[in-house]
Amino acid sequence: MTPRARIIGLGQALAMDDGVGLCVIDSLRARAPAGDLELFTATDASALVALLETPLPVVIVDAAIGEGTAGDLLLASPEDLGTTTLSTLSSHGMGVVDAIKLARVLAPEAVAPSIRILAICITPPRRYAVGLSQSARESVARAVRALLDVDASDFSAQVR
């Protein structure tokens, strides 16, 4: 079976809700049919550069602040992130949009034809605190359902 999409969970497990993207991937590993999705995790946006080299549509699942309320799921293109107050989190200087731009420069012919960011709105994380808030835990289940039910290239502007 050819996978229909590559899903990349981004985040830090030791920063509370910033680890929500990692939890989505863990849950997908338990629920997705074998071979349906390629599942990866990354703790730093710079790791995305290599992971974006695929012929499959890519969805990056990441925590975000600045728009929506905690637990909301928002779908954005990389270009959309530059035009909203929504911001994915980065603790090392390179953000998701920067990593996508770099991948497109380094290997334009190899980068995924479709890239979307599934942003899970959170409250700002506290460093060195493990576990998700109630709103983030609830959003994991909704994100997993959306990723299992919808073709990655057909996401609408907002996932509920």
C-alpha atoms as a PDB file:
ATOM      1  CA  MET A   1       0.000   0.000   0.000  1.00  0.00           C
ATOM      2  CA  THR A   2       1.322   3.427  -0.945  1.00  0.00           C
ATOM      3  CA  PRO A   3       0.984   5.953   1.897  1.00  0.00           C
ATOM      4  CA  ARG A   4      -1.415   8.819   1.173  1.00  0.00           C
ATOM      5  CA  ALA A   5       0.492  11.427   3.177  1.00  0.00           C
ATOM      6  CA  ARG A   6       3.473  12.123   5.404  1.00  0.00           C
ATOM      7  CA  ILE A   7       2.518  13.500   8.814  1.00  0.00           C
ATOM      8  CA  ILE A   8       5.238  15.156  10.908  1.00  0.00           C
ATOM      9  CA  GLY A   9       4.645  15.976  14.568  1.00  0.00           C
ATOM     10  CA  LEU A  10       6.834  18.791  15.820  1.00  0.00           C
ATOM     11  CA  GLY A  11       7.410  19.773  19.437  1.00  0.00           C
ATOM     12  CA  GLN A  12       9.119  19.433  22.789  1.00  0.00           C
ATOM     13  CA  ALA A  13       7.729  16.886  25.247  1.00  0.00           C
ATOM     14  CA  LEU A  14       9.280  18.744  28.200  1.00  0.00           C
ATOM     15  CA  ALA A  15       7.427  21.977  27.479  1.00  0.00           C
ATOM     16  CA  MET A  16       3.853  20.959  28.303  1.00  0.00           C
ATOM     17  CA  ASP A  17       1.491  21.668  25.395  1.00  0.00           C
ATOM     18  CA  ASP A  18       4.365  22.279  22.962  1.00  0.00           C
ATOM     19  CA  GLY A  19       4.526  18.467  22.817  1.00  0.00           C
ATOM     20  CA  VAL A  20       1.020  18.184  21.361  1.00  0.00           C
ATOM     21  CA  GLY A  21       2.323  17.432  17.835  1.00  0.00           C
ATOM     22  CA  LEU A  22       4.338  14.508  19.201  1.00  0.00           C
ATOM     23  CA  CYS A  23       1.244  13.174  20.983  1.00  0.00           C
ATOM     24  CA  VAL A  24      -0.754  13.306  17.741  1.00  0.00           C
ATOM     25  CA  ILE A  25       1.865  11.113  16.053  1.00  0.00           C
ATOM     26  CA  ASP A  26       1.871   8.660  18.990  1.00  0.00           C
ATOM     27  CA  SER A  27      -1.902   8.369  18.739  1.00  0.00           C
ATOM     28  CA  LEU A  28      -1.792   7.962  14.950  1.00  0.00           C
ATOM     29  CA  ARG A  29       0.749   5.144  15.307  1.00  0.00           C
ATOM     30  CA  ALA A  30      -1.774   3.300  17.455  1.00  0.00           C
ATOM     31  CA  ARG A  31      -4.778   3.956  15.197  1.00  0.00           C
ATOM     32  CA  ALA A  32      -3.715   4.411  11.559  1.00  0.00           C
ATOM     33  CA  PRO A  33      -3.962   1.391   9.266  1.00  0.00           C
ATOM     34  CA  ALA A  34      -0.542  -0.041   8.421  1.00  0.00           C
ATOM     35  CA  GLY A  35       0.976   1.724   5.423  1.00  0.00           C
ATOM     36  CA  ASP A  36      -1.712   4.433   5.232  1.00  0.00           C
ATOM     37  CA  LEU A  37       0.442   7.288   6.541  1.00  0.00           C
ATOM     38  CA  GLU A  38       4.164   7.937   6.935  1.00  0.00           C
ATOM     39  CA  LEU A  39       4.614   9.173  10.508  1.00  0.00           C
ATOM     40  CA  PHE A  40       7.602  11.143  11.799  1.00  0.00           C
ATOM     41  CA  THR A  41       8.452  13.291  14.803  1.00  0.00           C
ATOM     42  CA  ALA A  42      10.910  16.141  15.133  1.00  0.00           C
ATOM     43  CA  THR A  43      11.938  18.190  18.140  1.00  0.00           C
ATOM     44  CA  ASP A  44      13.397  21.033  16.100  1.00  0.00           C
ATOM     45  CA  ALA A  45      12.143  22.728  12.936  1.00  0.00           C
ATOM     46  CA  SER A  46      15.532  22.313  11.264  1.00  0.00           C
ATOM     47  CA  ALA A  47      14.817  18.558  11.046  1.00  0.00           C
ATOM     48  CA  LEU A  48      11.921  19.370   8.711  1.00  0.00           C
ATOM     49  CA  VAL A  49      14.293  20.256   5.853  1.00  0.00           C
ATOM     50  CA  ALA A  50      15.097  16.593   5.144  1.00  0.00           C
ATOM     51  CA  LEU A  51      11.631  15.316   6.082  1.00  0.00           C
ATOM     52  CA  LEU A  52       9.990  17.546   3.459  1.00  0.00           C
ATOM     53  CA  GLU A  53      11.731  15.677   0.654  1.00  0.00           C
ATOM     54  CA  THR A  54       8.932  13.361  -0.469  1.00  0.00           C
ATOM     55  CA  PRO A  55       6.466  13.060  -3.350  1.00  0.00           C
ATOM     56  CA  LEU A  56       3.658  12.747  -0.789  1.00  0.00           C
ATOM     57  CA  PRO A  57       1.526  15.585   0.577  1.00  0.00           C
ATOM     58  CA  VAL A  58       2.883  16.669   3.983  1.00  0.00           C
ATOM     59  CA  VAL A  59       1.024  17.833   7.066  1.00  0.00           C
ATOM     60  CA  ILE A  60       3.121  19.297   9.889  1.00  0.00           C
ATOM     61  CA  VAL A  61       1.340  19.119  13.245  1.00  0.00           C
ATOM     62  CA  ASP A  62       2.622  21.757  15.632  1.00  0.00           C
ATOM     63  CA  ALA A  63       1.575  23.792  18.629  1.00  0.00           C
ATOM     64  CA  ALA A  64       0.799  27.441  17.922  1.00  0.00           C
ATOM     65  CA  ILE A  65      -0.047  30.588  19.812  1.00  0.00           C
ATOM     66  CA  GLY A  66      -1.531  33.926  18.824  1.00  0.00           C
ATOM     67  CA  GLU A  67      -4.824  33.094  17.143  1.00  0.00           C
ATOM     68  CA  GLY A  68      -7.789  31.077  18.320  1.00  0.00           C
ATOM     69  CA  THR A  69      -8.349  29.677  21.769  1.00  0.00           C
ATOM     70  CA  ALA A  70      -6.520  26.812  23.422  1.00  0.00           C
ATOM     71  CA  GLY A  71      -7.513  23.537  21.785  1.00  0.00           C
ATOM     72  CA  ASP A  72      -8.590  25.007  18.439  1.00  0.00           C
ATOM     73  CA  LEU A  73      -7.295  23.296  15.295  1.00  0.00           C
ATOM     74  CA  LEU A  74      -6.342  25.578  12.431  1.00  0.00           C
ATOM     75  CA  LEU A  75      -5.057  24.515   9.053  1.00  0.00           C
ATOM     76  CA  ALA A  76      -2.678  26.831   7.215  1.00  0.00           C
ATOM     77  CA  SER A  77      -0.392  26.802   4.251  1.00  0.00           C
ATOM     78  CA  PRO A  78       3.180  27.976   4.855  1.00  0.00           C
ATOM     79  CA  GLU A  79       2.281  31.185   3.033  1.00  0.00           C
ATOM     80  CA  ASP A  80      -0.709  31.769   5.352  1.00  0.00           C
ATOM     81  CA  LEU A  81       1.474  31.738   8.450  1.00  0.00           C
ATOM     82  CA  GLY A  82       3.183  34.919   7.332  1.00  0.00           C
ATOM     83  CA  THR A  83      -0.127  36.794   7.041  1.00  0.00           C
ATOM     84  CA  THR A  84      -1.738  35.977  10.410  1.00  0.00           C
ATOM     85  CA  THR A  85      -0.954  36.444  14.070  1.00  0.00           C
ATOM     86  CA  LEU A  86      -0.702  32.655  14.361  1.00  0.00           C
ATOM     87  CA  SER A  87       2.821  31.579  15.254  1.00  0.00           C
ATOM     88  CA  THR A  88       4.215  28.089  15.586  1.00  0.00           C
ATOM     89  CA  LEU A  89       6.685  27.660  18.411  1.00  0.00           C
ATOM     90  CA  SER A  90      10.437  27.504  18.036  1.00  0.00           C
ATOM     91  CA  SER A  91      13.064  27.428  20.718  1.00  0.00           C
ATOM     92  CA  HIS A  92      16.100  27.293  18.425  1.00  0.00           C
ATOM     93  CA  GLY A  93      15.696  30.198  16.029  1.00  0.00           C
ATOM     94  CA  MET A  94      14.484  28.387  12.896  1.00  0.00           C
ATOM     95  CA  GLY A  95      10.733  28.207  12.635  1.00  0.00           C
ATOM     96  CA  VAL A  96       8.517  25.984  10.500  1.00  0.00           C
ATOM     97  CA  VAL A  97       8.174  28.530   7.699  1.00  0.00           C
ATOM     98  CA  ASP A  98      11.945  29.103   7.609  1.00  0.00           C
ATOM     99  CA  ALA A  99      12.560  25.348   7.373  1.00  0.00           C
ATOM    100  CA  ILE A 100      10.086  25.024   4.494  1.00  0.00           C
ATOM    101  CA  LYS A 101      11.674  27.932   2.646  1.00  0.00           C
ATOM    102  CA  LEU A 102      15.132  26.432   3.122  1.00  0.00           C
ATOM    103  CA  ALA A 103      13.978  23.009   1.877  1.00  0.00           C
ATOM    104  CA  ARG A 104      12.457  24.630  -1.210  1.00  0.00           C
ATOM    105  CA  VAL A 105      15.752  26.398  -1.952  1.00  0.00           C
ATOM    106  CA  LEU A 106      18.002  23.389  -1.315  1.00  0.00           C
ATOM    107  CA  ALA A 107      15.956  20.781  -3.180  1.00  0.00           C
ATOM    108  CA  PRO A 108      13.077  22.410  -5.055  1.00  0.00           C
ATOM    109  CA  GLU A 109      12.380  19.337  -7.189  1.00  0.00           C
ATOM    110  CA  ALA A 110      12.283  16.984  -4.189  1.00  0.00           C
ATOM    111  CA  VAL A 111      10.080  18.944  -1.751  1.00  0.00           C
ATOM    112  CA  ALA A 112       6.509  17.763  -1.195  1.00  0.00           C
ATOM    113  CA  PRO A 113       4.014  19.141  -3.715  1.00  0.00           C
ATOM    114  CA  SER A 114       1.587  20.086  -0.942  1.00  0.00           C
ATOM    115  CA  ILE A 115       2.553  21.236   2.546  1.00  0.00           C
ATOM    116  CA  ARG A 116       0.047  22.175   5.230  1.00  0.00           C
ATOM    117  CA  ILE A 117       0.484  23.044   8.887  1.00  0.00           C
ATOM    118  CA  LEU A 118      -2.130  21.712  11.284  1.00  0.00           C
ATOM    119  CA  ALA A 119      -1.737  24.175  14.132  1.00  0.00           C
ATOM    120  CA  ILE A 120      -3.083  23.240  17.530  1.00  0.00           C
ATOM    121  CA  CYS A 121      -3.651  26.399  19.544  1.00  0.00           C
ATOM    122  CA  ILE A 122      -2.152  26.309  23.022  1.00  0.00           C
ATOM    123  CA  THR A 123      -1.400  28.646  25.872  1.00  0.00           C
ATOM    124  CA  PRO A 124       2.298  29.569  26.069  1.00  0.00           C
ATOM    125  CA  PRO A 125       4.238  26.568  27.396  1.00  0.00           C
ATOM    126  CA  ARG A 126       6.066  26.322  30.690  1.00  0.00           C
ATOM    127  CA  ARG A 127       9.547  24.955  30.383  1.00  0.00           C
ATOM    128  CA  TYR A 128      10.379  21.588  31.922  1.00  0.00           C
ATOM    129  CA  ALA A 129       6.830  20.572  32.639  1.00  0.00           C
ATOM    130  CA  VAL A 130       5.622  17.234  31.296  1.00  0.00           C
ATOM    131  CA  GLY A 131       2.079  16.457  30.197  1.00  0.00           C
ATOM    132  CA  LEU A 132      -0.646  18.167  28.216  1.00  0.00           C
ATOM    133  CA  SER A 133      -3.379  20.471  29.441  1.00  0.00           C
ATOM    134  CA  GLN A 134      -6.985  19.294  29.178  1.00  0.00           C
ATOM    135  CA  SER A 135      -7.601  21.401  26.052  1.00  0.00           C
ATOM    136  CA  ALA A 136      -4.487  20.031  24.336  1.00  0.00           C
ATOM    137  CA  ARG A 137      -5.425  16.418  25.204  1.00  0.00           C
ATOM    138  CA  GLU A 138      -8.870  16.939  23.694  1.00  0.00           C
ATOM    139  CA  SER A 139      -7.370  18.501  20.567  1.00  0.00           C
ATOM    140  CA  VAL A 140      -5.156  15.428  20.016  1.00  0.00           C
ATOM    141  CA  ALA A 141      -8.221  13.227  19.515  1.00  0.00           C
ATOM    142  CA  ARG A 142      -9.814  15.728  17.098  1.00  0.00           C
ATOM    143  CA  ALA A 143      -6.575  16.114  15.132  1.00  0.00           C
ATOM    144  CA  VAL A 144      -6.169  12.342  14.830  1.00  0.00           C
ATOM    145  CA  ARG A 145      -9.748  11.938  13.570  1.00  0.00           C
ATOM    146  CA  ALA A 146      -9.202  14.680  10.995  1.00  0.00           C
ATOM    147  CA  LEU A 147      -5.931  13.184   9.777  1.00  0.00           C
ATOM    148  CA  LEU A 148      -7.429   9.697   9.496  1.00  0.00           C
ATOM    149  CA  ASP A 149     -10.606  10.871   7.747  1.00  0.00           C
ATOM    150  CA  VAL A 150      -9.331  13.420   5.250  1.00  0.00           C
ATOM    151  CA  ASP A 151      -6.879  13.241   2.366  1.00  0.00           C
ATOM    152  CA  ALA A 152      -4.017  15.584   3.308  1.00  0.00           C
ATOM    153  CA  SER A 153      -4.272  17.490   0.031  1.00  0.00           C
ATOM    154  CA  ASP A 154      -7.997  18.202   0.521  1.00  0.00           C
ATOM    155  CA  PHE A 155      -8.008  19.912   3.916  1.00  0.00           C
ATOM    156  CA  SER A 156     -10.312  22.896   4.107  1.00  0.00           C
ATOM    157  CA  ALA A 157      -9.219  26.180   5.665  1.00  0.00           C
ATOM    158  CA  GLN A 158     -10.174  25.049   9.161  1.00  0.00           C
ATOM    159  CA  VAL A 159     -10.432  21.604  10.704  1.00  0.00           C
ATOM    160  CA  ARG A 160     -12.948  21.134  13.492  1.00  0.00           C
END
